[in-house]
C-alpha atoms as a PDB file:
ATOM      1  CA  MET A   1     -20.740  -0.080  23.148  1.00  0.00           C
ATOM      2  CA  LEU A   2     -21.295   3.412  21.893  1.00  0.00           C
ATOM      3  CA  ILE A   3     -19.153   6.285  23.130  1.00  0.00           C
ATOM      4  CA  SER A   4     -20.932   9.601  22.815  1.00  0.00           C
ATOM      5  CA  ILE A   5     -19.127  12.903  23.282  1.00  0.00           C
ATOM      6  CA  LEU A   6     -20.960  15.194  25.658  1.00  0.00           C
ATOM      7  CA  ALA A   7     -19.034  18.378  24.983  1.00  0.00           C
ATOM      8  CA  GLU A   8     -20.153  19.957  21.718  1.00  0.00           C
ATOM      9  CA  GLY A   9     -17.417  20.862  19.300  1.00  0.00           C
ATOM     10  CA  ARG A  10     -14.726  19.232  21.407  1.00  0.00           C
ATOM     11  CA  VAL A  11     -12.387  16.320  20.850  1.00  0.00           C
ATOM     12  CA  PRO A  12     -11.976  13.717  23.610  1.00  0.00           C
ATOM     13  CA  ILE A  13      -8.379  13.812  24.703  1.00  0.00           C
ATOM     14  CA  GLY A  14      -7.598  12.839  28.292  1.00  0.00           C
ATOM     15  CA  PHE A  15      -4.237  11.548  27.154  1.00  0.00           C
ATOM     16  CA  GLU A  16      -0.934  12.377  28.780  1.00  0.00           C
ATOM     17  CA  LEU A  17       2.014  12.953  26.518  1.00  0.00           C
ATOM     18  CA  GLY A  18       5.431  14.438  27.209  1.00  0.00           C
ATOM     19  CA  GLY A  19       4.230  15.938  30.454  1.00  0.00           C
ATOM     20  CA  VAL A  20       1.142  17.445  28.843  1.00  0.00           C
ATOM     21  CA  ASP A  21      -2.247  16.387  30.180  1.00  0.00           C
ATOM     22  CA  SER A  22      -5.348  17.763  28.481  1.00  0.00           C
ATOM     23  CA  ARG A  23      -8.803  16.428  29.232  1.00  0.00           C
ATOM     24  CA  MET A  24     -10.731  18.169  26.477  1.00  0.00           C
ATOM     25  CA  ALA A  25      -9.377  20.253  23.626  1.00  0.00           C
ATOM     26  CA  PRO A  26     -11.565  22.450  21.392  1.00  0.00           C
ATOM     27  CA  ARG A  27     -11.459  21.561  17.717  1.00  0.00           C
ATOM     28  CA  LYS A  28     -10.590  24.356  15.354  1.00  0.00           C
ATOM     29  CA  GLN A  29     -10.067  24.814  11.660  1.00  0.00           C
ATOM     30  CA  GLU A  30      -7.482  22.538  10.110  1.00  0.00           C
ATOM     31  CA  PRO A  31      -4.275  24.617  10.192  1.00  0.00           C
ATOM     32  CA  ALA A  32      -1.846  24.815   7.344  1.00  0.00           C
ATOM     33  CA  LEU A  33       1.392  22.901   7.666  1.00  0.00           C
ATOM     34  CA  PRO A  34       4.557  24.928   8.278  1.00  0.00           C
ATOM     35  CA  LYS A  35       6.570  25.742   5.197  1.00  0.00           C
ATOM     36  CA  LEU A  36       8.856  22.882   4.238  1.00  0.00           C
ATOM     37  CA  THR A  37      11.625  22.921   1.710  1.00  0.00           C
ATOM     38  CA  ASP A  38      11.163  20.994  -1.510  1.00  0.00           C
ATOM     39  CA  ASP A  39      13.644  18.428  -0.232  1.00  0.00           C
ATOM     40  CA  GLU A  40      12.000  18.056   3.182  1.00  0.00           C
ATOM     41  CA  ARG A  41       8.424  17.635   2.006  1.00  0.00           C
ATOM     42  CA  PRO A  42       8.749  14.241   0.233  1.00  0.00           C
ATOM     43  CA  VAL A  43      10.642  12.797   3.207  1.00  0.00           C
ATOM     44  CA  VAL A  44       8.027  13.972   5.692  1.00  0.00           C
ATOM     45  CA  LEU A  45       5.224  12.731   3.443  1.00  0.00           C
ATOM     46  CA  ASP A  46       6.692   9.237   3.261  1.00  0.00           C
ATOM     47  CA  ARG A  47       7.214   9.181   7.023  1.00  0.00           C
ATOM     48  CA  VAL A  48       3.643  10.244   7.791  1.00  0.00           C
ATOM     49  CA  LYS A  49       2.272   7.573   5.443  1.00  0.00           C
ATOM     50  CA  SER A  50       4.427   4.941   7.118  1.00  0.00           C
ATOM     51  CA  LEU A  51       3.222   5.899  10.597  1.00  0.00           C
ATOM     52  CA  ARG A  52      -0.419   5.909   9.510  1.00  0.00           C
ATOM     53  CA  SER A  53      -0.037   2.420   8.036  1.00  0.00           C
ATOM     54  CA  GLU A  54       1.065   1.099  11.454  1.00  0.00           C
ATOM     55  CA  ILE A  55      -2.209   2.060  13.169  1.00  0.00           C
ATOM     56  CA  LYS A  56      -4.037  -1.104  12.135  1.00  0.00           C
ATOM     57  CA  GLY A  57      -1.484  -3.290  13.875  1.00  0.00           C
ATOM     58  CA  LEU A  58      -1.536  -1.087  16.983  1.00  0.00           C
ATOM     59  CA  GLN A  59      -5.262  -1.705  17.448  1.00  0.00           C
ATOM     60  CA  GLU A  60      -4.378  -5.112  18.884  1.00  0.00           C
ATOM     61  CA  GLN A  61      -1.816  -3.629  21.290  1.00  0.00           C
ATOM     62  CA  THR A  62      -2.285  -1.756  24.572  1.00  0.00           C
ATOM     63  CA  PRO A  63      -1.253   1.750  25.662  1.00  0.00           C
ATOM     64  CA  ASN A  64       1.631   0.226  27.665  1.00  0.00           C
ATOM     65  CA  SER A  65       2.957  -1.975  24.864  1.00  0.00           C
ATOM     66  CA  PRO A  66       6.478  -1.249  23.561  1.00  0.00           C
ATOM     67  CA  GLU A  67       5.101  -1.114  20.005  1.00  0.00           C
ATOM     68  CA  PHE A  68       2.668   1.666  20.853  1.00  0.00           C
ATOM     69  CA  LYS A  69       5.176   3.639  22.927  1.00  0.00           C
ATOM     70  CA  LYS A  70       7.715   3.570  20.093  1.00  0.00           C
ATOM     71  CA  TRP A  71       5.094   4.626  17.534  1.00  0.00           C
ATOM     72  CA  ASN A  72       3.681   7.257  19.877  1.00  0.00           C
ATOM     73  CA  HIS A  73       7.109   8.802  20.421  1.00  0.00           C
ATOM     74  CA  ALA A  74       7.784   8.942  16.671  1.00  0.00           C
ATOM     75  CA  VAL A  75       4.424  10.562  15.907  1.00  0.00           C
ATOM     76  CA  TRP A  76       4.766  13.015  18.753  1.00  0.00           C
ATOM     77  CA  ASN A  77       8.146  14.211  17.492  1.00  0.00           C
ATOM     78  CA  LEU A  78       6.903  14.448  13.919  1.00  0.00           C
ATOM     79  CA  VAL A  79       3.758  16.400  14.802  1.00  0.00           C
ATOM     80  CA  CYS A  80       5.643  18.779  17.112  1.00  0.00           C
ATOM     81  CA  ARG A  81       8.210  19.503  14.432  1.00  0.00           C
ATOM     82  CA  TYR A  82       6.196  19.619  11.242  1.00  0.00           C
ATOM     83  CA  SER A  83       2.599  20.389  12.193  1.00  0.00           C
ATOM     84  CA  ASP A  84       0.588  23.267  13.638  1.00  0.00           C
ATOM     85  CA  PHE A  85      -1.880  20.876  15.267  1.00  0.00           C
ATOM     86  CA  ASP A  86      -1.229  22.337  18.722  1.00  0.00           C
ATOM     87  CA  THR A  87      -4.631  21.403  20.086  1.00  0.00           C
ATOM     88  CA  HIS A  88      -4.418  17.865  18.744  1.00  0.00           C
ATOM     89  CA  LYS A  89      -0.909  16.818  19.774  1.00  0.00           C
ATOM     90  CA  THR A  90      -2.091  15.036  22.902  1.00  0.00           C
ATOM     91  CA  SER A  91      -4.338  12.814  20.767  1.00  0.00           C
ATOM     92  CA  PHE A  92      -1.338  10.640  20.031  1.00  0.00           C
ATOM     93  CA  GLY A  93      -0.857   9.100  23.445  1.00  0.00           C
ATOM     94  CA  PHE A  94      -2.706   7.189  26.110  1.00  0.00           C
ATOM     95  CA  LEU A  95      -0.943   6.918  29.434  1.00  0.00           C
ATOM     96  CA  SER A  96      -3.839   7.684  31.730  1.00  0.00           C
ATOM     97  CA  PHE A  97      -7.542   8.308  31.376  1.00  0.00           C
ATOM     98  CA  ARG A  98      -9.958   8.158  34.240  1.00  0.00           C
ATOM     99  CA  ASP A  99     -12.130  11.228  33.695  1.00  0.00           C
ATOM    100  CA  GLU A 100     -15.465   9.655  32.785  1.00  0.00           C
ATOM    101  CA  ARG A 101     -17.068  13.106  32.717  1.00  0.00           C
ATOM    102  CA  SER A 102     -15.659  13.531  29.220  1.00  0.00           C
ATOM    103  CA  PHE A 103     -17.541  10.520  27.918  1.00  0.00           C
ATOM    104  CA  SER A 104     -20.911   8.936  28.237  1.00  0.00           C
ATOM    105  CA  VAL A 105     -20.698   5.187  27.769  1.00  0.00           C
ATOM    106  CA  VAL A 106     -24.027   3.968  26.458  1.00  0.00           C
ATOM    107  CA  PRO A 107     -24.413   0.181  26.635  1.00  0.00           C
ATOM    108  CA  SER A 108     -26.477  -1.638  24.065  1.00  0.00           C
ATOM    109  CA  TYR A 109     -29.818  -2.894  25.356  1.00  0.00           C
ATOM    110  CA  GLY A 110     -29.340  -5.514  28.035  1.00  0.00           C
ATOM    111  CA  GLU A 111     -25.572  -5.054  28.290  1.00  0.00           C
ATOM    112  CA  PRO A 112     -23.884  -4.119  31.596  1.00  0.00           C
ATOM    113  CA  LYS A 113     -21.864  -0.947  32.074  1.00  0.00           C
ATOM    114  CA  PRO A 114     -18.283  -1.571  30.902  1.00  0.00           C
ATOM    115  CA  SER A 115     -15.510  -2.195  33.389  1.00  0.00           C
ATOM    116  CA  PRO A 116     -12.712   0.387  33.771  1.00  0.00           C
ATOM    117  CA  GLU A 117     -10.476  -1.869  31.648  1.00  0.00           C
ATOM    118  CA  ASP A 118     -13.050  -2.023  28.840  1.00  0.00           C
ATOM    119  CA  PHE A 119     -13.584   1.724  29.111  1.00  0.00           C
ATOM    120  CA  ASP A 120      -9.833   2.393  28.801  1.00  0.00           C
ATOM    121  CA  SER A 121      -9.658   0.056  25.792  1.00  0.00           C
ATOM    122  CA  GLN A 122     -12.421   2.012  24.054  1.00  0.00           C
ATOM    123  CA  VAL A 123     -10.659   5.321  24.685  1.00  0.00           C
ATOM    124  CA  TYR A 124      -7.379   3.848  23.377  1.00  0.00           C
ATOM    125  CA  GLN A 125      -9.116   2.785  20.167  1.00  0.00           C
ATOM    126  CA  ALA A 126     -10.691   6.245  19.880  1.00  0.00           C
ATOM    127  CA  ALA A 127      -7.248   7.824  20.270  1.00  0.00           C
ATOM    128  CA  LEU A 128      -5.851   5.726  17.428  1.00  0.00           C
ATOM    129  CA  LEU A 129      -8.811   6.686  15.254  1.00  0.00           C
ATOM    130  CA  GLU A 130      -8.240  10.365  16.019  1.00  0.00           C
ATOM    131  CA  ALA A 131      -4.527  10.006  15.284  1.00  0.00           C
ATOM    132  CA  GLY A 132      -5.275   8.356  11.957  1.00  0.00           C
ATOM    133  CA  GLY A 133      -7.545  11.232  11.008  1.00  0.00           C
ATOM    134  CA  ILE A 134      -4.932  13.844  11.807  1.00  0.00           C
ATOM    135  CA  LEU A 135      -2.209  11.982   9.927  1.00  0.00           C
ATOM    136  CA  SER A 136      -4.559  11.681   6.934  1.00  0.00           C
ATOM    137  CA  VAL A 137      -5.071  15.463   6.940  1.00  0.00           C
ATOM    138  CA  MET A 138      -1.312  15.971   7.042  1.00  0.00           C
ATOM    139  CA  ILE A 139      -0.863  13.582   4.098  1.00  0.00           C
ATOM    140  CA  GLN A 140      -3.504  15.426   2.077  1.00  0.00           C
ATOM    141  CA  GLN A 141      -1.914  18.801   2.765  1.00  0.00           C
ATOM    142  CA  LEU A 142       1.562  17.556   1.893  1.00  0.00           C
ATOM    143  CA  GLU A 143       0.324  15.980  -1.342  1.00  0.00           C
ATOM    144  CA  ASP A 144      -1.530  19.169  -2.256  1.00  0.00           C
ATOM    145  CA  ALA A 145       1.673  21.122  -1.702  1.00  0.00           C
ATOM    146  CA  GLU A 146       3.585  18.703  -3.921  1.00  0.00           C
ATOM    147  CA  ARG A 147       1.041  19.058  -6.714  1.00  0.00           C
ATOM    148  CA  ALA A 148       1.212  22.831  -6.402  1.00  0.00           C
ATOM    149  CA  ARG A 149       4.896  22.617  -7.321  1.00  0.00           C
ATOM    150  CA  GLY A 150       3.848  21.855 -10.866  1.00  0.00           C
ATOM    151  CA  GLY A 151       4.406  18.144 -10.861  1.00  0.00           C
ATOM    152  CA  THR A 152       8.172  18.188 -10.283  1.00  0.00           C
ATOM    153  CA  ARG A 153       7.659  15.119  -8.139  1.00  0.00           C
ATOM    154  CA  ALA A 154       4.907  12.792  -9.214  1.00  0.00           C
ATOM    155  CA  ILE A 155       2.463  11.717  -6.529  1.00  0.00           C
ATOM    156  CA  VAL A 156       1.374   8.140  -7.073  1.00  0.00           C
ATOM    157  CA  VAL A 157      -1.974   7.554  -5.439  1.00  0.00           C
ATOM    158  CA  THR A 158      -2.479   3.843  -4.929  1.00  0.00           C
ATOM    159  CA  ALA A 159      -6.052   2.910  -4.196  1.00  0.00           C
ATOM    160  CA  GLU A 160      -6.619   0.457  -1.385  1.00  0.00           C
ATOM    161  CA  PRO A 161      -7.669  -2.950  -2.741  1.00  0.00           C
ATOM    162  CA  ASP A 162     -11.401  -3.542  -2.496  1.00  0.00           C
ATOM    163  CA  PRO A 163     -11.844  -6.199   0.226  1.00  0.00           C
ATOM    164  CA  ILE A 164     -14.923  -7.584  -1.544  1.00  0.00           C
ATOM    165  CA  GLU A 165     -12.951  -8.149  -4.728  1.00  0.00           C
ATOM    166  CA  ILE A 166     -10.144  -9.730  -2.708  1.00  0.00           C
ATOM    167  CA  VAL A 167     -12.570 -12.308  -1.275  1.00  0.00           C
ATOM    168  CA  VAL A 168     -14.238 -12.951  -4.639  1.00  0.00           C
ATOM    169  CA  ASN A 169     -10.882 -13.387  -6.404  1.00  0.00           C
ATOM    170  CA  LEU A 170      -9.752 -15.763  -3.672  1.00  0.00           C
ATOM    171  CA  CYS A 171     -12.806 -17.902  -4.396  1.00  0.00           C
ATOM    172  CA  ARG A 172     -12.232 -17.691  -8.150  1.00  0.00           C
ATOM    173  CA  ARG A 173      -8.663 -18.994  -7.774  1.00  0.00           C
ATOM    174  CA  PHE A 174      -9.410 -21.570  -5.101  1.00  0.00           C
ATOM    175  CA  HIS A 175      -9.476 -24.541  -7.483  1.00  0.00           C
ATOM    176  CA  ARG A 176      -6.051 -23.564  -8.851  1.00  0.00           C
ATOM    177  CA  VAL A 177      -4.680 -23.644  -5.313  1.00  0.00           C
ATOM    178  CA  VAL A 178      -6.198 -27.078  -4.709  1.00  0.00           C
ATOM    179  CA  ARG A 179      -4.604 -28.460  -7.876  1.00  0.00           C
ATOM    180  CA  GLN A 180      -1.251 -26.908  -7.032  1.00  0.00           C
ATOM    181  CA  ILE A 181      -0.970 -28.263  -3.473  1.00  0.00           C
ATOM    182  CA  ARG A 182      -1.642 -31.761  -4.791  1.00  0.00           C
ATOM    183  CA  GLN A 183       1.563 -31.594  -6.791  1.00  0.00           C
ATOM    184  CA  ARG A 184       3.932 -32.088  -3.856  1.00  0.00           C
ATOM    185  CA  HIS A 185       7.617 -32.821  -4.320  1.00  0.00           C
ATOM    186  CA  GLU A 186       8.332 -36.563  -4.146  1.00  0.00           C
ATOM    187  CA  LYS A 187       4.624 -37.167  -3.557  1.00  0.00           C
ATOM    188  CA  ARG A 188       4.734 -35.894   0.000  1.00  0.00           C
ATOM    189  CA  PRO A 189       1.483 -35.737   2.023  1.00  0.00           C
ATOM    190  CA  THR A 190      -0.769 -32.795   1.337  1.00  0.00           C
ATOM    191  CA  LEU A 191      -4.219 -31.485   2.203  1.00  0.00           C
ATOM    192  CA  ASP A 192      -6.828 -33.586   0.462  1.00  0.00           C
ATOM    193  CA  VAL A 193      -9.773 -31.302  -0.228  1.00  0.00           C
ATOM    194  CA  SER A 194     -12.450 -33.959  -0.181  1.00  0.00           C
ATOM    195  CA  ASP A 195     -15.278 -32.455   1.884  1.00  0.00           C
ATOM    196  CA  GLU A 196     -16.679 -29.139   3.067  1.00  0.00           C
ATOM    197  CA  TYR A 197     -14.478 -29.009   6.164  1.00  0.00           C
ATOM    198  CA  ASP A 198     -11.372 -29.315   4.014  1.00  0.00           C
ATOM    199  CA  VAL A 199     -12.601 -26.445   1.859  1.00  0.00           C
ATOM    200  CA  GLN A 200     -13.212 -24.295   4.949  1.00  0.00           C
ATOM    201  CA  ASP A 201      -9.745 -25.017   6.353  1.00  0.00           C
ATOM    202  CA  LEU A 202      -7.992 -24.038   3.147  1.00  0.00           C
ATOM    203  CA  VAL A 203     -10.167 -20.942   2.652  1.00  0.00           C
ATOM    204  CA  HIS A 204      -9.364 -19.842   6.202  1.00  0.00           C
ATOM    205  CA  ALA A 205      -5.645 -20.190   5.547  1.00  0.00           C
ATOM    206  CA  LEU A 206      -5.906 -18.146   2.350  1.00  0.00           C
ATOM    207  CA  LEU A 207      -7.907 -15.398   4.070  1.00  0.00           C
ATOM    208  CA  THR A 208      -5.098 -14.841   6.563  1.00  0.00           C
ATOM    209  CA  LEU A 209      -2.906 -13.613   3.700  1.00  0.00           C
ATOM    210  CA  ARG A 210      -5.012 -10.461   3.333  1.00  0.00           C
ATOM    211  CA  PHE A 211      -7.166 -10.041   6.446  1.00  0.00           C
ATOM    212  CA  ASP A 212      -6.322  -9.712  10.131  1.00  0.00           C
ATOM    213  CA  ASP A 213      -9.591 -10.110  12.032  1.00  0.00           C
ATOM    214  CA  ILE A 214     -11.193 -13.332  10.773  1.00  0.00           C
ATOM    215  CA  ARG A 215     -13.846 -14.804  13.027  1.00  0.00           C
ATOM    216  CA  PRO A 216     -14.863 -18.341  12.101  1.00  0.00           C
ATOM    217  CA  GLU A 217     -18.054 -19.966  13.312  1.00  0.00           C
ATOM    218  CA  GLU A 218     -19.917 -16.854  14.467  1.00  0.00           C
ATOM    219  CA  TRP A 219     -23.560 -17.235  15.501  1.00  0.00           C
ATOM    220  CA  THR A 220     -26.183 -15.796  13.163  1.00  0.00           C
ATOM    221  CA  PRO A 221     -29.579 -14.391  14.174  1.00  0.00           C
ATOM    222  CA  SER A 222     -32.530 -16.721  14.507  1.00  0.00           C
ATOM    223  CA  TYR A 223     -34.284 -17.574  11.270  1.00  0.00           C
ATOM    224  CA  ALA A 224     -37.285 -19.882  10.775  1.00  0.00           C
ATOM    225  CA  GLY A 225     -37.221 -20.855  14.442  1.00  0.00           C
ATOM    226  CA  GLY A 226     -33.531 -21.619  14.746  1.00  0.00           C
ATOM    227  CA  SER A 227     -30.072 -20.125  14.607  1.00  0.00           C
ATOM    228  CA  SER A 228     -26.910 -21.347  12.952  1.00  0.00           C
ATOM    229  CA  ARG A 229     -23.266 -20.469  12.545  1.00  0.00           C
ATOM    230  CA  MET A 230     -21.689 -18.536   9.720  1.00  0.00           C
ATOM    231  CA  ASP A 231     -18.427 -19.830   8.293  1.00  0.00           C
ATOM    232  CA  PHE A 232     -16.310 -16.661   8.381  1.00  0.00           C
ATOM    233  CA  LEU A 233     -16.915 -13.079   9.458  1.00  0.00           C
ATOM    234  CA  LEU A 234     -14.366 -10.477   8.363  1.00  0.00           C
ATOM    235  CA  TRP A 235     -14.994  -8.169  11.272  1.00  0.00           C
ATOM    236  CA  GLU A 236     -13.440  -4.923  10.073  1.00  0.00           C
ATOM    237  CA  GLU A 237     -14.781  -5.254   6.517  1.00  0.00           C
ATOM    238  CA  ARG A 238     -18.274  -6.450   7.599  1.00  0.00           C
ATOM    239  CA  ILE A 239     -18.088  -9.269   5.065  1.00  0.00           C
ATOM    240  CA  VAL A 240     -19.496 -12.741   5.685  1.00  0.00           C
ATOM    241  CA  LEU A 241     -18.129 -15.647   3.648  1.00  0.00           C
ATOM    242  CA  GLU A 242     -20.234 -18.800   3.450  1.00  0.00           C
ATOM    243  CA  VAL A 243     -18.504 -21.894   2.063  1.00  0.00           C
ATOM    244  CA  LYS A 244     -20.214 -24.930   0.546  1.00  0.00           C
ATOM    245  CA  LYS A 245     -19.056 -27.990  -1.355  1.00  0.00           C
ATOM    246  CA  THR A 246     -21.387 -29.937  -3.576  1.00  0.00           C
ATOM    247  CA  ARG A 247     -21.925 -33.634  -2.894  1.00  0.00           C
ATOM    248  CA  GLN A 248     -24.250 -36.411  -3.962  1.00  0.00           C
ATOM    249  CA  ASN A 249     -27.317 -34.934  -2.242  1.00  0.00           C
ATOM    250  CA  LEU A 250     -26.367 -31.268  -2.654  1.00  0.00           C
ATOM    251  CA  ARG A 251     -27.094 -30.212  -6.220  1.00  0.00           C
ATOM    252  CA  ASP A 252     -28.734 -27.274  -7.997  1.00  0.00           C
ATOM    253  CA  ARG A 253     -32.054 -27.285  -6.145  1.00  0.00           C
ATOM    254  CA  GLU A 254     -30.572 -27.890  -2.693  1.00  0.00           C
ATOM    255  CA  VAL A 255     -27.780 -25.369  -3.187  1.00  0.00           C
ATOM    256  CA  GLY A 256     -30.256 -22.736  -4.394  1.00  0.00           C
ATOM    257  CA  SER A 257     -32.521 -23.293  -1.379  1.00  0.00           C
ATOM    258  CA  GLN A 258     -29.612 -23.030   1.054  1.00  0.00           C
ATOM    259  CA  LEU A 259     -28.357 -19.835  -0.559  1.00  0.00           C
ATOM    260  CA  ILE A 260     -31.819 -18.251  -0.380  1.00  0.00           C
ATOM    261  CA  GLU A 261     -32.000 -19.120   3.328  1.00  0.00           C
ATOM    262  CA  ASP A 262     -28.524 -17.680   3.889  1.00  0.00           C
ATOM    263  CA  ILE A 263     -29.500 -14.399   2.227  1.00  0.00           C
ATOM    264  CA  ALA A 264     -32.635 -14.106   4.359  1.00  0.00           C
ATOM    265  CA  ARG A 265     -30.720 -14.942   7.543  1.00  0.00           C
ATOM    266  CA  TYR A 266     -27.899 -12.485   7.018  1.00  0.00           C
ATOM    267  CA  GLY A 267     -30.277  -9.706   6.038  1.00  0.00           C
ATOM    268  CA  SER A 268     -30.915  -9.193   9.762  1.00  0.00           C
ATOM    269  CA  HIS A 269     -27.333  -9.616  10.925  1.00  0.00           C
ATOM    270  CA  PRO A 270     -26.015  -6.253  12.215  1.00  0.00           C
ATOM    271  CA  LEU A 271     -22.410  -6.952  11.203  1.00  0.00           C
ATOM    272  CA  CYS A 272     -23.056  -8.285   7.704  1.00  0.00           C
ATOM    273  CA  LYS A 273     -23.027  -5.725   4.908  1.00  0.00           C
ATOM    274  CA  VAL A 274     -21.743  -8.040   2.182  1.00  0.00           C
ATOM    275  CA  LEU A 275     -22.428 -11.763   1.803  1.00  0.00           C
ATOM    276  CA  VAL A 276     -20.091 -13.832  -0.372  1.00  0.00           C
ATOM    277  CA  CYS A 277     -21.344 -17.379  -0.994  1.00  0.00           C
ATOM    278  CA  PHE A 278     -18.624 -19.661  -2.317  1.00  0.00           C
ATOM    279  CA  VAL A 279     -19.760 -23.002  -3.750  1.00  0.00           C
ATOM    280  CA  TYR A 280     -16.957 -25.401  -4.619  1.00  0.00           C
ATOM    281  CA  ASP A 281     -18.085 -27.868  -7.297  1.00  0.00           C
ATOM    282  CA  PRO A 282     -15.015 -29.840  -8.452  1.00  0.00           C
ATOM    283  CA  GLU A 283     -17.077 -32.864  -9.532  1.00  0.00           C
ATOM    284  CA  GLU A 284     -19.339 -30.634 -11.686  1.00  0.00           C
ATOM    285  CA  ARG A 285     -22.519 -31.800  -9.979  1.00  0.00           C
ATOM    286  CA  LEU A 286     -24.351 -28.540 -10.699  1.00  0.00           C
ATOM    287  CA  GLN A 287     -26.166 -28.415 -14.019  1.00  0.00           C
ATOM    288  CA  ASN A 288     -26.482 -24.628 -14.279  1.00  0.00           C
ATOM    289  CA  PRO A 289     -23.861 -22.929 -12.057  1.00  0.00           C
ATOM    290  CA  ARG A 290     -23.852 -19.666 -14.005  1.00  0.00           C
ATOM    291  CA  GLY A 291     -27.630 -19.455 -13.664  1.00  0.00           C
ATOM    292  CA  LEU A 292     -27.384 -19.763  -9.869  1.00  0.00           C
ATOM    293  CA  GLU A 293     -24.725 -17.062  -9.782  1.00  0.00           C
ATOM    294  CA  ASN A 294     -26.748 -14.656 -11.902  1.00  0.00           C
ATOM    295  CA  ASP A 295     -30.077 -15.284 -10.190  1.00  0.00           C
ATOM    296  CA  LEU A 296     -28.863 -14.834  -6.621  1.00  0.00           C
ATOM    297  CA  SER A 297     -26.108 -12.224  -6.933  1.00  0.00           C
ATOM    298  CA  GLY A 298     -27.018  -8.572  -6.456  1.00  0.00           C
ATOM    299  CA  ILE A 299     -28.764  -6.563  -3.756  1.00  0.00           C
ATOM    300  CA  ARG A 300     -30.956  -9.016  -1.841  1.00  0.00           C
ATOM    301  CA  GLU A 301     -32.682  -8.331   1.487  1.00  0.00           C
ATOM    302  CA  GLY A 302     -30.598  -5.177   1.791  1.00  0.00           C
ATOM    303  CA  LEU A 303     -27.372  -7.164   1.321  1.00  0.00           C
ATOM    304  CA  ASP A 304     -24.728  -6.961  -1.355  1.00  0.00           C
ATOM    305  CA  VAL A 305     -24.690 -10.660  -2.325  1.00  0.00           C
ATOM    306  CA  ARG A 306     -21.924 -12.241  -4.415  1.00  0.00           C
ATOM    307  CA  VAL A 307     -22.383 -15.913  -5.398  1.00  0.00           C
ATOM    308  CA  VAL A 308     -19.209 -17.587  -6.687  1.00  0.00           C
ATOM    309  CA  ILE A 309     -19.285 -21.145  -8.071  1.00  0.00           C
ATOM    310  CA  GLU A 310     -15.977 -22.709  -9.053  1.00  0.00           C
ATOM    311  CA  PRO A 311     -14.366 -24.188 -11.032  1.00  0.00           C
ATOM    312  CA  ARG A 312     -15.929 -22.436 -13.989  1.00  0.00           C
ATOM    313  CA  ARG A 313     -16.871 -24.358 -17.073  1.00  0.00           C
END
């Protein structure tokens, strides 16, 4: 569903917080933060960063959940005390919203109009997105103020890990994991990675260490007269991970053909921006694994394609 804002230059609010109920609030220039002492600023900065980091987990909650209410109360107090975002303060809550005049809900072709529950869920997600944006502005302003002090307190900017590199590195280290789990204490039972399903199960478990929304076995668009299922879709990152394991009748030529078909199929998938193809070849059945990687990796059919064949040799 697409939510389009009908009022130009306005932010959808419709959220009730602390007795305040504002349906639409005009957006204005980003105000400067109130003056904070040198001792206050680092504390506030750390607190704002902490609250922003909790938004991802709140996306799976509801407006009535204890987790959201606790977070909402903390943000509300912080914004009221340390920010001049008067017109945005009600963006941090969602206790009631029924004014559909503020939004136009445009279904995708062939989809029905959303139910009131679905509509409320979309507005809740929009509120969290708006809150994240405002907290990010506060963080930037606080960090700018810290730098303006002449570096008396170093600001360490830690870049978010690239999700593509996380997936690729997971594939690169997969064989090490397989070898390690075979070395159980007192020869206790372990996962025997002997076929493609075993590889998929272990990959899925490893993905949960770094990603929250993992959707296995999603349908792909029709290609060459038929449709199939992808192995894993990382929904938020728009990354598809295809997993294969070589076997007696799956060698260089067959693997190459399957990968070419995968690339063509996912080129028309609306949620796939990056395709990672992981080929597990523990028996070294492939004659030229590095050639397959080099030939098929790159921008193909509008996709960023990464082919990973392990273990390396």
